[in-house]
C-alpha atoms as a PDB file:
ATOM      1  CA  MET A   1      70.014-236.192 104.079  1.00  0.00           C
ATOM      2  CA  ASP A   2      66.860-237.051 102.138  1.00  0.00           C
ATOM      3  CA  LYS A   3      66.943-237.437  98.355  1.00  0.00           C
ATOM      4  CA  LEU A   4      64.879-234.322  97.606  1.00  0.00           C
ATOM      5  CA  LYS A   5      67.047-232.063  99.757  1.00  0.00           C
ATOM      6  CA  GLU A   6      70.182-233.493  98.159  1.00  0.00           C
ATOM      7  CA  TYR A   7      68.671-232.831  94.726  1.00  0.00           C
ATOM      8  CA  GLU A   8      67.830-229.215  95.613  1.00  0.00           C
ATOM      9  CA  ILE A   9      71.420-228.638  96.749  1.00  0.00           C
ATOM     10  CA  PHE A  10      72.609-230.112  93.448  1.00  0.00           C
ATOM     11  CA  CYS A  11      70.337-227.685  91.528  1.00  0.00           C
ATOM     12  CA  GLU A  12      71.710-224.696  93.421  1.00  0.00           C
ATOM     13  CA  ALA A  13      75.327-225.752  92.845  1.00  0.00           C
ATOM     14  CA  ARG A  14      74.737-226.389  89.151  1.00  0.00           C
ATOM     15  CA  ALA A  15      73.128-222.975  88.686  1.00  0.00           C
ATOM     16  CA  LYS A  16      76.169-221.306  90.244  1.00  0.00           C
ATOM     17  CA  GLN A  17      78.488-223.176  87.865  1.00  0.00           C
ATOM     18  CA  ASN A  18      76.492-222.131  84.771  1.00  0.00           C
ATOM     19  CA  TYR A  19      76.448-225.829  83.901  1.00  0.00           C
ATOM     20  CA  TYR A  20      76.018-226.892  80.279  1.00  0.00           C
ATOM     21  CA  LYS A  21      75.127-230.543  79.973  1.00  0.00           C
ATOM     22  CA  GLY A  22      77.082-231.426  76.890  1.00  0.00           C
ATOM     23  CA  GLU A  23      79.665-230.030  74.558  1.00  0.00           C
ATOM     24  CA  ILE A  24      79.020-232.013  71.381  1.00  0.00           C
ATOM     25  CA  LEU A  25      75.845-230.126  70.402  1.00  0.00           C
ATOM     26  CA  PRO A  26      77.492-226.682  70.355  1.00  0.00           C
ATOM     27  CA  PHE A  27      80.307-228.237  68.319  1.00  0.00           C
ATOM     28  CA  ILE A  28      77.837-229.693  65.795  1.00  0.00           C
ATOM     29  CA  ASN A  29      75.825-226.461  65.637  1.00  0.00           C
ATOM     30  CA  LYS A  30      78.909-224.298  65.016  1.00  0.00           C
ATOM     31  CA  VAL A  31      81.054-226.562  62.827  1.00  0.00           C
ATOM     32  CA  CYS A  32      78.907-229.058  60.926  1.00  0.00           C
ATOM     33  CA  ARG A  33      76.709-228.465  57.903  1.00  0.00           C
ATOM     34  CA  LYS A  34      73.551-226.404  58.323  1.00  0.00           C
ATOM     35  CA  ASP A  35      71.149-228.481  56.206  1.00  0.00           C
ATOM     36  CA  MET A  36      70.476-230.895  59.077  1.00  0.00           C
ATOM     37  CA  THR A  37      69.213-230.603  62.626  1.00  0.00           C
ATOM     38  CA  SER A  38      71.014-231.503  65.805  1.00  0.00           C
ATOM     39  CA  GLY A  39      69.391-231.715  69.181  1.00  0.00           C
ATOM     40  CA  ASP A  40      69.010-233.915  72.155  1.00  0.00           C
ATOM     41  CA  ILE A  41      66.454-235.794  74.131  1.00  0.00           C
ATOM     42  CA  ASP A  42      66.806-235.033  77.810  1.00  0.00           C
ATOM     43  CA  GLY A  43      66.525-238.580  78.978  1.00  0.00           C
ATOM     44  CA  PHE A  44      64.621-241.773  79.289  1.00  0.00           C
ATOM     45  CA  VAL A  45      63.568-244.152  82.011  1.00  0.00           C
ATOM     46  CA  TRP A  46      63.420-247.801  81.204  1.00  0.00           C
ATOM     47  CA  ASP A  47      62.006-250.655  83.236  1.00  0.00           C
ATOM     48  CA  TYR A  48      62.776-253.900  81.459  1.00  0.00           C
ATOM     49  CA  LYS A  49      60.788-255.948  83.991  1.00  0.00           C
ATOM     50  CA  LYS A  50      57.618-253.886  83.524  1.00  0.00           C
ATOM     51  CA  LYS A  51      58.436-253.519  79.798  1.00  0.00           C
ATOM     52  CA  ILE A  52      58.016-249.748  79.815  1.00  0.00           C
ATOM     53  CA  LEU A  53      60.163-247.102  78.132  1.00  0.00           C
ATOM     54  CA  ILE A  54      59.514-243.416  78.797  1.00  0.00           C
ATOM     55  CA  VAL A  55      61.308-240.872  76.600  1.00  0.00           C
ATOM     56  CA  ILE A  56      61.581-237.457  78.261  1.00  0.00           C
ATOM     57  CA  GLU A  57      61.996-233.969  76.864  1.00  0.00           C
ATOM     58  CA  GLN A  58      62.171-231.242  79.512  1.00  0.00           C
ATOM     59  CA  LYS A  59      61.669-227.524  79.015  1.00  0.00           C
ATOM     60  CA  TRP A  60      61.940-224.677  81.483  1.00  0.00           C
ATOM     61  CA  THR A  61      58.713-222.715  81.913  1.00  0.00           C
ATOM     62  CA  GLN A  62      59.999-219.804  79.800  1.00  0.00           C
ATOM     63  CA  GLU A  63      61.740-221.966  77.181  1.00  0.00           C
ATOM     64  CA  ARG A  64      60.284-222.399  73.697  1.00  0.00           C
ATOM     65  CA  GLN A  65      60.013-225.673  71.818  1.00  0.00           C
ATOM     66  CA  LYS A  66      61.648-225.534  68.396  1.00  0.00           C
ATOM     67  CA  GLN A  67      59.702-226.782  65.401  1.00  0.00           C
ATOM     68  CA  SER A  68      62.582-229.065  64.409  1.00  0.00           C
ATOM     69  CA  GLN A  69      62.473-230.699  67.846  1.00  0.00           C
ATOM     70  CA  ASP A  70      58.712-231.267  67.550  1.00  0.00           C
ATOM     71  CA  MET A  71      59.321-232.914  64.178  1.00  0.00           C
ATOM     72  CA  PHE A  72      62.026-235.118  65.697  1.00  0.00           C
ATOM     73  CA  LEU A  73      59.759-236.180  68.582  1.00  0.00           C
ATOM     74  CA  GLN A  74      57.094-237.180  66.042  1.00  0.00           C
ATOM     75  CA  PHE A  75      59.742-239.148  64.144  1.00  0.00           C
ATOM     76  CA  ILE A  76      60.676-241.002  67.356  1.00  0.00           C
ATOM     77  CA  ILE A  77      57.002-241.825  67.967  1.00  0.00           C
ATOM     78  CA  THR A  78      56.789-243.323  64.479  1.00  0.00           C
ATOM     79  CA  ALA A  79      59.961-245.355  65.081  1.00  0.00           C
ATOM     80  CA  LEU A  80      58.632-246.652  68.408  1.00  0.00           C
ATOM     81  CA  GLU A  81      55.306-247.612  66.834  1.00  0.00           C
ATOM     82  CA  GLU A  82      57.170-249.547  64.144  1.00  0.00           C
ATOM     83  CA  ALA A  83      59.288-251.206  66.841  1.00  0.00           C
ATOM     84  CA  LYS A  84      56.104-252.440  68.554  1.00  0.00           C
ATOM     85  CA  LYS A  85      55.361-254.506  65.447  1.00  0.00           C
ATOM     86  CA  GLN A  86      58.374-256.671  66.230  1.00  0.00           C
ATOM     87  CA  PRO A  87      57.463-259.818  68.212  1.00  0.00           C
ATOM     88  CA  ARG A  88      60.096-259.013  70.839  1.00  0.00           C
ATOM     89  CA  LEU A  89      58.547-255.608  71.615  1.00  0.00           C
ATOM     90  CA  MET A  90      54.822-256.199  71.059  1.00  0.00           C
ATOM     91  CA  ASP A  91      54.037-256.286  74.765  1.00  0.00           C
ATOM     92  CA  TRP A  92      56.074-253.169  75.612  1.00  0.00           C
ATOM     93  CA  PHE A  93      54.605-249.782  76.514  1.00  0.00           C
ATOM     94  CA  PHE A  94      56.260-246.684  75.061  1.00  0.00           C
ATOM     95  CA  TYR A  95      55.579-243.194  76.349  1.00  0.00           C
ATOM     96  CA  MET A  96      57.004-239.843  75.384  1.00  0.00           C
ATOM     97  CA  PHE A  97      56.549-236.943  77.778  1.00  0.00           C
ATOM     98  CA  LYS A  98      57.397-233.288  77.522  1.00  0.00           C
ATOM     99  CA  ILE A  99      57.868-232.022  81.063  1.00  0.00           C
ATOM    100  CA  VAL A 100      57.669-228.260  81.482  1.00  0.00           C
ATOM    101  CA  GLY A 101      58.906-226.992  84.804  1.00  0.00           C
ATOM    102  CA  ASP A 102      61.799-225.445  86.620  1.00  0.00           C
ATOM    103  CA  PRO A 103      64.148-227.336  88.942  1.00  0.00           C
ATOM    104  CA  PRO A 104      63.639-228.497  91.638  1.00  0.00           C
ATOM    105  CA  PHE A 105      60.216-229.320  90.107  1.00  0.00           C
ATOM    106  CA  HIS A 106      57.832-228.489  92.946  1.00  0.00           C
ATOM    107  CA  SER A 107      55.224-228.631  90.193  1.00  0.00           C
ATOM    108  CA  ALA A 108      55.310-229.259  86.461  1.00  0.00           C
ATOM    109  CA  THR A 109      53.187-229.650  83.385  1.00  0.00           C
ATOM    110  CA  VAL A 110      53.456-233.030  81.699  1.00  0.00           C
ATOM    111  CA  GLU A 111      52.365-233.549  78.112  1.00  0.00           C
ATOM    112  CA  ASN A 112      51.908-236.994  76.672  1.00  0.00           C
ATOM    113  CA  ILE A 113      53.371-236.406  73.192  1.00  0.00           C
ATOM    114  CA  TYR A 114      51.433-239.398  71.782  1.00  0.00           C
ATOM    115  CA  THR A 115      47.994-238.155  72.842  1.00  0.00           C
ATOM    116  CA  ARG A 116      48.731-234.413  73.357  1.00  0.00           C
ATOM    117  CA  GLU A 117      47.021-234.707  76.758  1.00  0.00           C
ATOM    118  CA  ILE A 118      48.429-232.257  79.318  1.00  0.00           C
ATOM    119  CA  LYS A 119      48.348-232.548  83.099  1.00  0.00           C
ATOM    120  CA  ASN A 120      49.579-230.264  85.847  1.00  0.00           C
ATOM    121  CA  VAL A 121      51.313-232.358  88.478  1.00  0.00           C
ATOM    122  CA  THR A 122      52.936-231.976  91.851  1.00  0.00           C
ATOM    123  CA  ARG A 123      56.504-233.092  92.433  1.00  0.00           C
ATOM    124  CA  THR A 124      55.214-236.254  94.138  1.00  0.00           C
ATOM    125  CA  GLN A 125      53.023-237.079  91.140  1.00  0.00           C
ATOM    126  CA  LEU A 126      55.921-236.420  88.760  1.00  0.00           C
ATOM    127  CA  ILE A 127      58.123-238.808  90.727  1.00  0.00           C
ATOM    128  CA  ASP A 128      55.354-241.427  90.699  1.00  0.00           C
ATOM    129  CA  ILE A 129      54.983-241.121  86.914  1.00  0.00           C
ATOM    130  CA  LEU A 130      58.744-241.329  86.314  1.00  0.00           C
ATOM    131  CA  GLU A 131      59.126-244.265  88.712  1.00  0.00           C
ATOM    132  CA  MET A 132      56.221-245.937  86.894  1.00  0.00           C
ATOM    133  CA  ASN A 133      54.235-246.257  90.122  1.00  0.00           C
ATOM    134  CA  ILE A 134      51.229-244.628  88.459  1.00  0.00           C
ATOM    135  CA  ARG A 135      50.251-244.250  84.856  1.00  0.00           C
ATOM    136  CA  PHE A 136      50.012-240.784  83.330  1.00  0.00           C
ATOM    137  CA  GLU A 137      46.377-241.510  82.511  1.00  0.00           C
ATOM    138  CA  ASP A 138      45.626-242.115  86.200  1.00  0.00           C
ATOM    139  CA  VAL A 139      46.919-238.745  87.498  1.00  0.00           C
END
């Protein structure tokens, strides 16, 4: 079975299970103090040989971005820019993408959070970006 077909089967099974990806965030949101923000970043891809880190936030097409999450993403950008000042990380490339699309991602909108540039991509282009085969700028 090819990887894309296997992934589509996974998406269908997960939807039937009403899957929730983590239980700590609901716990924090219900139990912990309310004068802070909790949230998550959906993932990252890291290629230590190419010296590239991509931080990923994914939203469904009908899902809204919360202001607190936007603020947190900007905070992460600032932290990554400060990290680049360290000799060990000066030659690294950091990207942060918001990917808006619905599984199994036949198409998606990708926003480069650093530059605010937005591109509509096919699934193949999305895979190429995430596998670091092409740069976002070159799509």
